[in-house]
Amino acid sequence: MRAIEQAIEYGVKVFGVTIHFVDEGVDTGSIVLQRAVELPDARDPGTILATLRPIEHELLPRAVALMAAGRLRRDPSQPRRVLVDEEPGS
Protein backbone atom coordinates (compact mmCIF):
# COMPACT_ATOMS: atom_id res chain seq x y z
CA MET A 1 0.00 0.00 0.00
CA ARG A 2 1.76 3.22 1.12
CA ALA A 3 0.26 4.95 -1.92
CA ILE A 4 1.22 8.49 -0.87
CA GLU A 5 4.77 7.49 0.09
CA GLN A 6 5.20 5.65 -3.20
CA ALA A 7 3.95 8.69 -5.12
CA ILE A 8 6.43 10.94 -3.29
CA GLU A 9 9.29 8.52 -4.03
CA TYR A 10 8.29 8.48 -7.69
CA GLY A 11 8.31 12.30 -7.82
CA VAL A 12 4.59 12.84 -8.36
CA LYS A 13 3.51 16.49 -8.38
CA VAL A 14 -0.24 15.91 -8.71
CA PHE A 15 -2.20 13.95 -6.12
CA GLY A 16 -5.85 13.11 -6.09
CA VAL A 17 -8.89 11.25 -4.92
CA THR A 18 -10.71 8.68 -7.02
CA ILE A 19 -14.04 7.10 -6.14
CA HIS A 20 -14.52 3.97 -8.23
CA PHE A 21 -16.45 0.74 -8.35
CA VAL A 22 -14.63 -2.23 -6.89
CA ASP A 23 -13.85 -5.09 -9.23
CA GLU A 24 -11.44 -8.03 -9.21
CA GLY A 25 -8.37 -5.83 -9.78
CA VAL A 26 -6.56 -3.30 -7.62
CA ASP A 27 -7.87 0.21 -8.35
CA THR A 28 -9.16 -0.94 -11.74
CA GLY A 29 -12.90 -0.41 -11.28
CA SER A 30 -14.89 2.12 -13.28
CA ILE A 31 -14.30 5.66 -12.03
CA VAL A 32 -17.34 7.43 -10.60
CA LEU A 33 -15.80 10.72 -9.41
CA GLN A 34 -12.26 12.05 -9.38
CA ARG A 35 -10.41 15.21 -8.45
CA ALA A 36 -6.71 16.08 -8.56
CA VAL A 37 -4.68 18.83 -6.93
CA GLU A 38 -1.21 20.04 -7.74
CA LEU A 39 1.20 19.78 -4.81
CA PRO A 40 4.57 20.28 -6.52
CA ASP A 41 6.58 20.77 -3.31
CA ALA A 42 4.80 18.26 -1.09
CA ARG A 43 7.11 15.77 0.61
CA ASP A 44 5.24 14.98 3.82
CA PRO A 45 2.61 12.21 3.60
CA GLY A 46 0.65 13.72 6.50
CA THR A 47 0.38 17.08 4.76
CA ILE A 48 -0.73 15.45 1.52
CA LEU A 49 -3.30 13.34 3.33
CA ALA A 50 -4.60 16.44 5.14
CA THR A 51 -5.07 18.10 1.74
CA LEU A 52 -6.82 15.08 0.23
CA ARG A 53 -9.07 14.19 3.18
CA PRO A 54 -11.60 17.04 2.66
CA ILE A 55 -11.86 16.06 -1.01
CA GLU A 56 -12.58 12.46 0.01
CA HIS A 57 -15.20 13.70 2.45
CA GLU A 58 -16.90 15.61 -0.36
CA LEU A 59 -16.68 13.05 -3.17
CA LEU A 60 -17.54 9.83 -1.34
CA PRO A 61 -20.97 10.94 -0.02
CA ARG A 62 -21.70 12.48 -3.42
CA ALA A 63 -20.93 9.18 -5.16
CA VAL A 64 -23.08 7.26 -2.69
CA ALA A 65 -25.96 9.71 -3.23
CA LEU A 66 -25.67 9.33 -7.01
CA MET A 67 -25.74 5.56 -6.70
CA ALA A 68 -28.65 5.60 -4.23
CA ALA A 69 -30.60 7.85 -6.61
CA GLY A 70 -30.01 5.41 -9.48
CA ARG A 71 -28.12 8.03 -11.46
CA LEU A 72 -25.00 5.97 -12.22
CA ARG A 73 -24.70 3.55 -15.11
CA ARG A 74 -21.90 1.97 -17.06
CA ASP A 75 -21.26 3.30 -20.53
CA PRO A 76 -22.25 0.47 -22.90
CA SER A 77 -19.60 1.53 -25.40
CA GLN A 78 -16.87 1.78 -22.74
CA PRO A 79 -17.59 -0.54 -19.77
CA ARG A 80 -14.83 1.01 -17.62
CA ARG A 81 -16.58 4.38 -17.84
CA VAL A 82 -19.48 5.46 -15.63
CA LEU A 83 -22.13 7.89 -16.85
CA VAL A 84 -24.03 10.16 -14.50
CA ASP A 85 -27.65 10.67 -15.53
CA GLU A 86 -29.11 14.15 -15.27
CA GLU A 87 -31.15 14.99 -12.23
CA PRO A 88 -34.90 14.79 -12.87
CA GLY A 89 -36.12 18.20 -13.93
CA SER A 90 -32.68 19.39 -15.11
PDB file of N, CA and C in Angstrom:
ATOM      1  N   MET A   1       0.859  -1.172   0.000  1.00  0.00           N
ATOM      2  CA  MET A   1       0.000   0.000   0.000  1.00  0.00           C
ATOM      3  C   MET A   1       0.904   1.232   0.000  1.00  0.00           C
ATOM      4  N   ARG A   2       0.913   2.015   1.060  1.00  0.00           N
ATOM      5  CA  ARG A   2       1.761   3.217   1.121  1.00  0.00           C
ATOM      6  C   ARG A   2       1.658   4.053  -0.153  1.00  0.00           C
ATOM      7  N   ALA A   3       0.455   4.273  -0.631  1.00  0.00           N
ATOM      8  CA  ALA A   3       0.260   4.953  -1.919  1.00  0.00           C
ATOM      9  C   ALA A   3       0.890   6.345  -1.937  1.00  0.00           C
ATOM     10  N   ILE A   4       0.679   7.119  -0.888  1.00  0.00           N
ATOM     11  CA  ILE A   4       1.225   8.485  -0.872  1.00  0.00           C
ATOM     12  C   ILE A   4       2.746   8.443  -0.834  1.00  0.00           C
ATOM     13  N   GLU A   5       3.308   7.597   0.007  1.00  0.00           N
ATOM     14  CA  GLU A   5       4.771   7.495   0.093  1.00  0.00           C
ATOM     15  C   GLU A   5       5.365   7.053  -1.242  1.00  0.00           C
ATOM     16  N   GLN A   6       4.719   6.100  -1.898  1.00  0.00           N
ATOM     17  CA  GLN A   6       5.203   5.649  -3.205  1.00  0.00           C
ATOM     18  C   GLN A   6       5.142   6.777  -4.232  1.00  0.00           C
ATOM     19  N   ALA A   7       4.081   7.565  -4.178  1.00  0.00           N
ATOM     20  CA  ALA A   7       3.953   8.691  -5.115  1.00  0.00           C
ATOM     21  C   ALA A   7       5.060   9.714  -4.880  1.00  0.00           C
ATOM     22  N   ILE A   8       5.351   9.995  -3.611  1.00  0.00           N
ATOM     23  CA  ILE A   8       6.429  10.942  -3.289  1.00  0.00           C
ATOM     24  C   ILE A   8       7.760  10.405  -3.817  1.00  0.00           C
ATOM     25  N   GLU A   9       8.035   9.135  -3.563  1.00  0.00           N
ATOM     26  CA  GLU A   9       9.289   8.519  -4.027  1.00  0.00           C
ATOM     27  C   GLU A   9       9.412   8.572  -5.541  1.00  0.00           C
ATOM     28  N   TYR A  10       8.299   8.463  -6.225  1.00  0.00           N
ATOM     29  CA  TYR A  10       8.287   8.479  -7.688  1.00  0.00           C
ATOM     30  C   TYR A  10       8.444   9.895  -8.240  1.00  0.00           C
ATOM     31  N   GLY A  11       8.173  10.912  -7.386  1.00  0.00           N
ATOM     32  CA  GLY A  11       8.306  12.299  -7.820  1.00  0.00           C
ATOM     33  C   GLY A  11       7.014  12.917  -8.310  1.00  0.00           C
ATOM     34  N   VAL A  12       5.897  12.335  -7.932  1.00  0.00           N
ATOM     35  CA  VAL A  12       4.587  12.839  -8.361  1.00  0.00           C
ATOM     36  C   VAL A  12       4.384  14.276  -7.874  1.00  0.00           C
ATOM     37  N   LYS A  13       3.809  15.091  -8.714  1.00  0.00           N
ATOM     38  CA  LYS A  13       3.514  16.493  -8.383  1.00  0.00           C
ATOM     39  C   LYS A  13       2.021  16.755  -8.283  1.00  0.00           C
ATOM     40  N   VAL A  14       1.215  15.794  -8.741  1.00  0.00           N
ATOM     41  CA  VAL A  14      -0.240  15.906  -8.709  1.00  0.00           C
ATOM     42  C   VAL A  14      -0.778  14.702  -7.937  1.00  0.00           C
ATOM     43  N   PHE A  15      -1.582  14.993  -6.940  1.00  0.00           N
ATOM     44  CA  PHE A  15      -2.198  13.948  -6.119  1.00  0.00           C
ATOM     45  C   PHE A  15      -3.698  14.057  -6.290  1.00  0.00           C
ATOM     46  N   GLY A  16      -4.412  13.009  -5.912  1.00  0.00           N
ATOM     47  CA  GLY A  16      -5.851  13.111  -6.094  1.00  0.00           C
ATOM     48  C   GLY A  16      -6.630  12.053  -5.357  1.00  0.00           C
ATOM     49  N   VAL A  17      -7.926  12.169  -5.522  1.00  0.00           N
ATOM     50  CA  VAL A  17      -8.888  11.249  -4.923  1.00  0.00           C
ATOM     51  C   VAL A  17      -9.726  10.673  -6.052  1.00  0.00           C
ATOM     52  N   THR A  18      -9.888   9.363  -6.035  1.00  0.00           N
ATOM     53  CA  THR A  18     -10.711   8.682  -7.024  1.00  0.00           C
ATOM     54  C   THR A  18     -11.715   7.799  -6.305  1.00  0.00           C
ATOM     55  N   ILE A  19     -12.981   7.973  -6.634  1.00  0.00           N
ATOM     56  CA  ILE A  19     -14.038   7.103  -6.143  1.00  0.00           C
ATOM     57  C   ILE A  19     -14.401   6.205  -7.319  1.00  0.00           C
ATOM     58  N   HIS A  20     -14.271   4.893  -7.127  1.00  0.00           N
ATOM     59  CA  HIS A  20     -14.522   3.974  -8.226  1.00  0.00           C
ATOM     60  C   HIS A  20     -15.245   2.732  -7.731  1.00  0.00           C
ATOM     61  N   PHE A  21     -15.859   2.025  -8.670  1.00  0.00           N
ATOM     62  CA  PHE A  21     -16.450   0.740  -8.352  1.00  0.00           C
ATOM     63  C   PHE A  21     -15.328  -0.247  -8.065  1.00  0.00           C
ATOM     64  N   VAL A  22     -15.597  -1.200  -7.199  1.00  0.00           N
ATOM     65  CA  VAL A  22     -14.632  -2.234  -6.885  1.00  0.00           C
ATOM     66  C   VAL A  22     -14.862  -3.411  -7.822  1.00  0.00           C
ATOM     67  N   ASP A  23     -13.785  -3.904  -8.384  1.00  0.00           N
ATOM     68  CA  ASP A  23     -13.852  -5.094  -9.232  1.00  0.00           C
ATOM     69  C   ASP A  23     -12.767  -6.056  -8.781  1.00  0.00           C
ATOM     70  N   GLU A  24     -12.409  -7.009  -9.605  1.00  0.00           N
ATOM     71  CA  GLU A  24     -11.441  -8.029  -9.211  1.00  0.00           C
ATOM     72  C   GLU A  24     -10.004  -7.512  -9.168  1.00  0.00           C
ATOM     73  N   GLY A  25      -9.724  -6.366  -9.755  1.00  0.00           N
ATOM     74  CA  GLY A  25      -8.367  -5.826  -9.778  1.00  0.00           C
ATOM     75  C   GLY A  25      -8.099  -4.897  -8.607  1.00  0.00           C
ATOM     76  N   VAL A  26      -6.935  -4.289  -8.637  1.00  0.00           N
ATOM     77  CA  VAL A  26      -6.565  -3.301  -7.625  1.00  0.00           C
ATOM     78  C   VAL A  26      -6.675  -1.928  -8.275  1.00  0.00           C
ATOM     79  N   ASP A  27      -7.629  -1.135  -7.800  1.00  0.00           N
ATOM     80  CA  ASP A  27      -7.865   0.214  -8.346  1.00  0.00           C
ATOM     81  C   ASP A  27      -8.148   0.185  -9.847  1.00  0.00           C
ATOM     82  N   THR A  28      -8.877  -0.824 -10.307  1.00  0.00           N
ATOM     83  CA  THR A  28      -9.163  -0.938 -11.736  1.00  0.00           C
ATOM     84  C   THR A  28     -10.642  -0.764 -12.056  1.00  0.00           C
ATOM     85  N   GLY A  29     -11.476  -0.553 -11.045  1.00  0.00           N
ATOM     86  CA  GLY A  29     -12.905  -0.407 -11.282  1.00  0.00           C
ATOM     87  C   GLY A  29     -13.247   0.892 -11.991  1.00  0.00           C
ATOM     88  N   SER A  30     -14.418   0.933 -12.561  1.00  0.00           N
ATOM     89  CA  SER A  30     -14.887   2.119 -13.283  1.00  0.00           C
ATOM     90  C   SER A  30     -14.920   3.326 -12.354  1.00  0.00           C
ATOM     91  N   ILE A  31     -14.387   4.441 -12.830  1.00  0.00           N
ATOM     92  CA  ILE A  31     -14.299   5.664 -12.035  1.00  0.00           C
ATOM     93  C   ILE A  31     -15.649   6.365 -12.012  1.00  0.00           C
ATOM     94  N   VAL A  32     -16.082   6.711 -10.795  1.00  0.00           N
ATOM     95  CA  VAL A  32     -17.337   7.430 -10.601  1.00  0.00           C
ATOM     96  C   VAL A  32     -17.056   8.927 -10.499  1.00  0.00           C
ATOM     97  N   LEU A  33     -16.177   9.313  -9.603  1.00  0.00           N
ATOM     98  CA  LEU A  33     -15.797  10.720  -9.413  1.00  0.00           C
ATOM     99  C   LEU A  33     -14.290  10.782  -9.162  1.00  0.00           C
ATOM    100  N   GLN A  34     -13.708  11.913  -9.536  1.00  0.00           N
ATOM    101  CA  GLN A  34     -12.262  12.052  -9.383  1.00  0.00           C
ATOM    102  C   GLN A  34     -11.902  13.533  -9.322  1.00  0.00           C
ATOM    103  N   ARG A  35     -10.923  13.838  -8.490  1.00  0.00           N
ATOM    104  CA  ARG A  35     -10.408  15.213  -8.454  1.00  0.00           C
ATOM    105  C   ARG A  35      -8.918  15.167  -8.118  1.00  0.00           C
ATOM    106  N   ALA A  36      -8.154  16.013  -8.780  1.00  0.00           N
ATOM    107  CA  ALA A  36      -6.711  16.083  -8.561  1.00  0.00           C
ATOM    108  C   ALA A  36      -6.329  17.477  -8.079  1.00  0.00           C
ATOM    109  N   VAL A  37      -5.210  17.540  -7.364  1.00  0.00           N
ATOM    110  CA  VAL A  37      -4.675  18.835  -6.929  1.00  0.00           C
ATOM    111  C   VAL A  37      -3.168  18.806  -7.128  1.00  0.00           C
ATOM    112  N   GLU A  38      -2.653  19.925  -7.564  1.00  0.00           N
ATOM    113  CA  GLU A  38      -1.206  20.042  -7.745  1.00  0.00           C
ATOM    114  C   GLU A  38      -0.567  20.370  -6.410  1.00  0.00           C
ATOM    115  N   LEU A  39       0.420  19.559  -6.030  1.00  0.00           N
ATOM    116  CA  LEU A  39       1.196  19.778  -4.813  1.00  0.00           C
ATOM    117  C   LEU A  39       2.663  19.575  -5.171  1.00  0.00           C
ATOM    118  N   PRO A  40       3.226  20.498  -5.962  1.00  0.00           N
ATOM    119  CA  PRO A  40       4.565  20.283  -6.522  1.00  0.00           C
ATOM    120  C   PRO A  40       5.678  20.179  -5.485  1.00  0.00           C
ATOM    121  N   ASP A  41       5.505  20.787  -4.317  1.00  0.00           N
ATOM    122  CA  ASP A  41       6.575  20.773  -3.315  1.00  0.00           C
ATOM    123  C   ASP A  41       6.286  19.844  -2.142  1.00  0.00           C
ATOM    124  N   ALA A  42       5.210  19.111  -2.211  1.00  0.00           N
ATOM    125  CA  ALA A  42       4.805  18.261  -1.090  1.00  0.00           C
ATOM    126  C   ALA A  42       5.770  17.089  -0.919  1.00  0.00           C
ATOM    127  N   ARG A  43       6.216  16.887   0.302  1.00  0.00           N
ATOM    128  CA  ARG A  43       7.109  15.775   0.611  1.00  0.00           C
ATOM    129  C   ARG A  43       6.659  15.026   1.868  1.00  0.00           C
ATOM    130  N   ASP A  44       5.695  15.576   2.575  1.00  0.00           N
ATOM    131  CA  ASP A  44       5.238  14.975   3.822  1.00  0.00           C
ATOM    132  C   ASP A  44       3.903  14.264   3.610  1.00  0.00           C
ATOM    133  N   PRO A  45       3.852  12.943   3.809  1.00  0.00           N
ATOM    134  CA  PRO A  45       2.607  12.210   3.599  1.00  0.00           C
ATOM    135  C   PRO A  45       1.440  12.753   4.422  1.00  0.00           C
ATOM    136  N   GLY A  46       1.711  13.184   5.646  1.00  0.00           N
ATOM    137  CA  GLY A  46       0.650  13.724   6.498  1.00  0.00           C
ATOM    138  C   GLY A  46       0.034  14.989   5.928  1.00  0.00           C
ATOM    139  N   THR A  47       0.859  15.844   5.365  1.00  0.00           N
ATOM    140  CA  THR A  47       0.375  17.081   4.756  1.00  0.00           C
ATOM    141  C   THR A  47      -0.459  16.779   3.514  1.00  0.00           C
ATOM    142  N   ILE A  48       0.009  15.832   2.725  1.00  0.00           N
ATOM    143  CA  ILE A  48      -0.729  15.449   1.521  1.00  0.00           C
ATOM    144  C   ILE A  48      -2.074  14.846   1.904  1.00  0.00           C
ATOM    145  N   LEU A  49      -2.062  13.950   2.879  1.00  0.00           N
ATOM    146  CA  LEU A  49      -3.304  13.337   3.333  1.00  0.00           C
ATOM    147  C   LEU A  49      -4.271  14.387   3.870  1.00  0.00           C
ATOM    148  N   ALA A  50      -3.753  15.363   4.611  1.00  0.00           N
ATOM    149  CA  ALA A  50      -4.600  16.444   5.142  1.00  0.00           C
ATOM    150  C   ALA A  50      -5.220  17.261   4.018  1.00  0.00           C
ATOM    151  N   THR A  51      -4.527  17.382   2.899  1.00  0.00           N
ATOM    152  CA  THR A  51      -5.072  18.099   1.738  1.00  0.00           C
ATOM    153  C   THR A  51      -6.133  17.261   1.035  1.00  0.00           C
ATOM    154  N   LEU A  52      -5.904  15.957   0.953  1.00  0.00           N
ATOM    155  CA  LEU A  52      -6.822  15.077   0.227  1.00  0.00           C
ATOM    156  C   LEU A  52      -8.067  14.709   1.038  1.00  0.00           C
ATOM    157  N   ARG A  53      -7.957  14.660   2.342  1.00  0.00           N
ATOM    158  CA  ARG A  53      -9.068  14.189   3.181  1.00  0.00           C
ATOM    159  C   ARG A  53     -10.367  14.975   2.964  1.00  0.00           C
ATOM    160  N   PRO A  54     -10.340  16.316   2.913  1.00  0.00           N
ATOM    161  CA  PRO A  54     -11.596  17.041   2.662  1.00  0.00           C
ATOM    162  C   PRO A  54     -12.199  16.721   1.294  1.00  0.00           C
ATOM    163  N   ILE A  55     -11.357  16.428   0.315  1.00  0.00           N
ATOM    164  CA  ILE A  55     -11.856  16.056  -1.006  1.00  0.00           C
ATOM    165  C   ILE A  55     -12.549  14.700  -0.920  1.00  0.00           C
ATOM    166  N   GLU A  56     -11.934  13.765  -0.210  1.00  0.00           N
ATOM    167  CA  GLU A  56     -12.578  12.455   0.011  1.00  0.00           C
ATOM    168  C   GLU A  56     -13.933  12.630   0.679  1.00  0.00           C
ATOM    169  N   HIS A  57     -13.973  13.492   1.686  1.00  0.00           N
ATOM    170  CA  HIS A  57     -15.203  13.702   2.452  1.00  0.00           C
ATOM    171  C   HIS A  57     -16.295  14.374   1.623  1.00  0.00           C
ATOM    172  N   GLU A  58     -15.919  15.017   0.560  1.00  0.00           N
ATOM    173  CA  GLU A  58     -16.903  15.606  -0.361  1.00  0.00           C
ATOM    174  C   GLU A  58     -17.341  14.587  -1.423  1.00  0.00           C
ATOM    175  N   LEU A  59     -16.373  13.920  -2.040  1.00  0.00           N
ATOM    176  CA  LEU A  59     -16.683  13.053  -3.174  1.00  0.00           C
ATOM    177  C   LEU A  59     -17.379  11.750  -2.788  1.00  0.00           C
ATOM    178  N   LEU A  60     -16.962  11.129  -1.691  1.00  0.00           N
ATOM    179  CA  LEU A  60     -17.542   9.831  -1.344  1.00  0.00           C
ATOM    180  C   LEU A  60     -19.045   9.923  -1.070  1.00  0.00           C
ATOM    181  N   PRO A  61     -19.515  10.847  -0.220  1.00  0.00           N
ATOM    182  CA  PRO A  61     -20.966  10.936  -0.022  1.00  0.00           C
ATOM    183  C   PRO A  61     -21.711  11.303  -1.303  1.00  0.00           C
ATOM    184  N   ARG A  62     -21.069  12.113  -2.143  1.00  0.00           N
ATOM    185  CA  ARG A  62     -21.697  12.483  -3.417  1.00  0.00           C
ATOM    186  C   ARG A  62     -21.871  11.244  -4.304  1.00  0.00           C
ATOM    187  N   ALA A  63     -20.853  10.399  -4.356  1.00  0.00           N
ATOM    188  CA  ALA A  63     -20.932   9.176  -5.158  1.00  0.00           C
ATOM    189  C   ALA A  63     -22.003   8.235  -4.613  1.00  0.00           C
ATOM    190  N   VAL A  64     -22.064   8.113  -3.301  1.00  0.00           N
ATOM    191  CA  VAL A  64     -23.084   7.256  -2.687  1.00  0.00           C
ATOM    192  C   VAL A  64     -24.477   7.789  -3.001  1.00  0.00           C
ATOM    193  N   ALA A  65     -24.653   9.097  -2.925  1.00  0.00           N
ATOM    194  CA  ALA A  65     -25.957   9.707  -3.231  1.00  0.00           C
ATOM    195  C   ALA A  65     -26.345   9.462  -4.686  1.00  0.00           C
ATOM    196  N   LEU A  66     -25.391   9.589  -5.595  1.00  0.00           N
ATOM    197  CA  LEU A  66     -25.672   9.326  -7.009  1.00  0.00           C
ATOM    198  C   LEU A  66     -26.098   7.872  -7.218  1.00  0.00           C
ATOM    199  N   MET A  67     -25.394   6.972  -6.551  1.00  0.00           N
ATOM    200  CA  MET A  67     -25.742   5.562  -6.695  1.00  0.00           C
ATOM    201  C   MET A  67     -27.117   5.284  -6.083  1.00  0.00           C
ATOM    202  N   ALA A  68     -27.371   5.827  -4.902  1.00  0.00           N
ATOM    203  CA  ALA A  68     -28.649   5.598  -4.230  1.00  0.00           C
ATOM    204  C   ALA A  68     -29.811   6.152  -5.047  1.00  0.00           C
ATOM    205  N   ALA A  69     -29.561   7.231  -5.777  1.00  0.00           N
ATOM    206  CA  ALA A  69     -30.603   7.846  -6.607  1.00  0.00           C
ATOM    207  C   ALA A  69     -30.748   7.143  -7.957  1.00  0.00           C
ATOM    208  N   GLY A  70     -29.930   6.130  -8.202  1.00  0.00           N
ATOM    209  CA  GLY A  70     -30.012   5.413  -9.479  1.00  0.00           C
ATOM    210  C   GLY A  70     -29.505   6.217 -10.658  1.00  0.00           C
ATOM    211  N   ARG A  71     -28.589   7.148 -10.397  1.00  0.00           N
ATOM    212  CA  ARG A  71     -28.116   8.030 -11.461  1.00  0.00           C
ATOM    213  C   ARG A  71     -26.793   7.591 -12.090  1.00  0.00           C
ATOM    214  N   LEU A  72     -26.250   6.453 -11.652  1.00  0.00           N
ATOM    215  CA  LEU A  72     -25.002   5.966 -12.221  1.00  0.00           C
ATOM    216  C   LEU A  72     -25.279   4.759 -13.108  1.00  0.00           C
ATOM    217  N   ARG A  73     -24.598   4.725 -14.249  1.00  0.00           N
ATOM    218  CA  ARG A  73     -24.701   3.547 -15.111  1.00  0.00           C
ATOM    219  C   ARG A  73     -23.413   3.420 -15.911  1.00  0.00           C
ATOM    220  N   ARG A  74     -23.101   2.211 -16.248  1.00  0.00           N
ATOM    221  CA  ARG A  74     -21.901   1.970 -17.058  1.00  0.00           C
ATOM    222  C   ARG A  74     -22.169   2.369 -18.492  1.00  0.00           C
ATOM    223  N   ASP A  75     -21.181   2.924 -19.123  1.00  0.00           N
ATOM    224  CA  ASP A  75     -21.260   3.303 -20.528  1.00  0.00           C
ATOM    225  C   ASP A  75     -21.196   2.023 -21.364  1.00  0.00           C
ATOM    226  N   PRO A  76     -22.258   1.711 -22.125  1.00  0.00           N
ATOM    227  CA  PRO A  76     -22.251   0.465 -22.897  1.00  0.00           C
ATOM    228  C   PRO A  76     -21.124   0.396 -23.929  1.00  0.00           C
ATOM    229  N   SER A  77     -20.671   1.543 -24.413  1.00  0.00           N
ATOM    230  CA  SER A  77     -19.601   1.531 -25.402  1.00  0.00           C
ATOM    231  C   SER A  77     -18.214   1.481 -24.756  1.00  0.00           C
ATOM    232  N   GLN A  78     -18.130   1.791 -23.467  1.00  0.00           N
ATOM    233  CA  GLN A  78     -16.867   1.777 -22.735  1.00  0.00           C
ATOM    234  C   GLN A  78     -17.157   1.301 -21.311  1.00  0.00           C
ATOM    235  N   PRO A  79     -17.160   0.004 -21.053  1.00  0.00           N
ATOM    236  CA  PRO A  79     -17.589  -0.536 -19.768  1.00  0.00           C
ATOM    237  C   PRO A  79     -16.810  -0.023 -18.557  1.00  0.00           C
ATOM    238  N   ARG A  80     -15.595   0.475 -18.759  1.00  0.00           N
ATOM    239  CA  ARG A  80     -14.833   1.013 -17.620  1.00  0.00           C
ATOM    240  C   ARG A  80     -15.232   2.445 -17.289  1.00  0.00           C
ATOM    241  N   ARG A  81     -16.146   2.996 -18.055  1.00  0.00           N
ATOM    242  CA  ARG A  81     -16.580   4.381 -17.837  1.00  0.00           C
ATOM    243  C   ARG A  81     -17.971   4.387 -17.211  1.00  0.00           C
ATOM    244  N   VAL A  82     -18.178   5.302 -16.277  1.00  0.00           N
ATOM    245  CA  VAL A  82     -19.476   5.457 -15.627  1.00  0.00           C
ATOM    246  C   VAL A  82     -20.104   6.755 -16.114  1.00  0.00           C
ATOM    247  N   LEU A  83     -21.375   6.696 -16.452  1.00  0.00           N
ATOM    248  CA  LEU A  83     -22.127   7.886 -16.846  1.00  0.00           C
ATOM    249  C   LEU A  83     -23.019   8.309 -15.691  1.00  0.00           C
ATOM    250  N   VAL A  84     -23.147   9.619 -15.518  1.00  0.00           N
ATOM    251  CA  VAL A  84     -24.033  10.161 -14.496  1.00  0.00           C
ATOM    252  C   VAL A  84     -25.243  10.741 -15.207  1.00  0.00           C
ATOM    253  N   ASP A  85     -26.410  10.173 -14.927  1.00  0.00           N
ATOM    254  CA  ASP A  85     -27.648  10.667 -15.527  1.00  0.00           C
ATOM    255  C   ASP A  85     -28.017  12.003 -14.915  1.00  0.00           C
ATOM    256  N   GLU A  86     -28.644  12.836 -15.726  1.00  0.00           N
ATOM    257  CA  GLU A  86     -29.107  14.145 -15.267  1.00  0.00           C
ATOM    258  C   GLU A  86     -30.105  13.974 -14.132  1.00  0.00           C
ATOM    259  N   GLU A  87     -30.152  14.982 -13.275  1.00  0.00           N
ATOM    260  CA  GLU A  87     -31.152  14.986 -12.228  1.00  0.00           C
ATOM    261  C   GLU A  87     -32.521  15.188 -12.863  1.00  0.00           C
ATOM    262  N   PRO A  88     -33.549  14.541 -12.335  1.00  0.00           N
ATOM    263  CA  PRO A  88     -34.896  14.788 -12.867  1.00  0.00           C
ATOM    264  C   PRO A  88     -35.229  16.276 -12.807  1.00  0.00           C
ATOM    265  N   GLY A  89     -35.759  16.776 -13.872  1.00  0.00           N
ATOM    266  CA  GLY A  89     -36.116  18.196 -13.928  1.00  0.00           C
ATOM    267  C   GLY A  89     -34.989  19.096 -14.353  1.00  0.00           C
ATOM    268  N   SER A  90     -33.805  18.532 -14.684  1.00  0.00           N
ATOM    269  CA  SER A  90     -32.684  19.388 -15.114  1.00  0.00           C
ATOM    270  C   SER A  90     -32.743  19.658 -16.586  1.00  0.00           C
TER     271      SER A  90
END
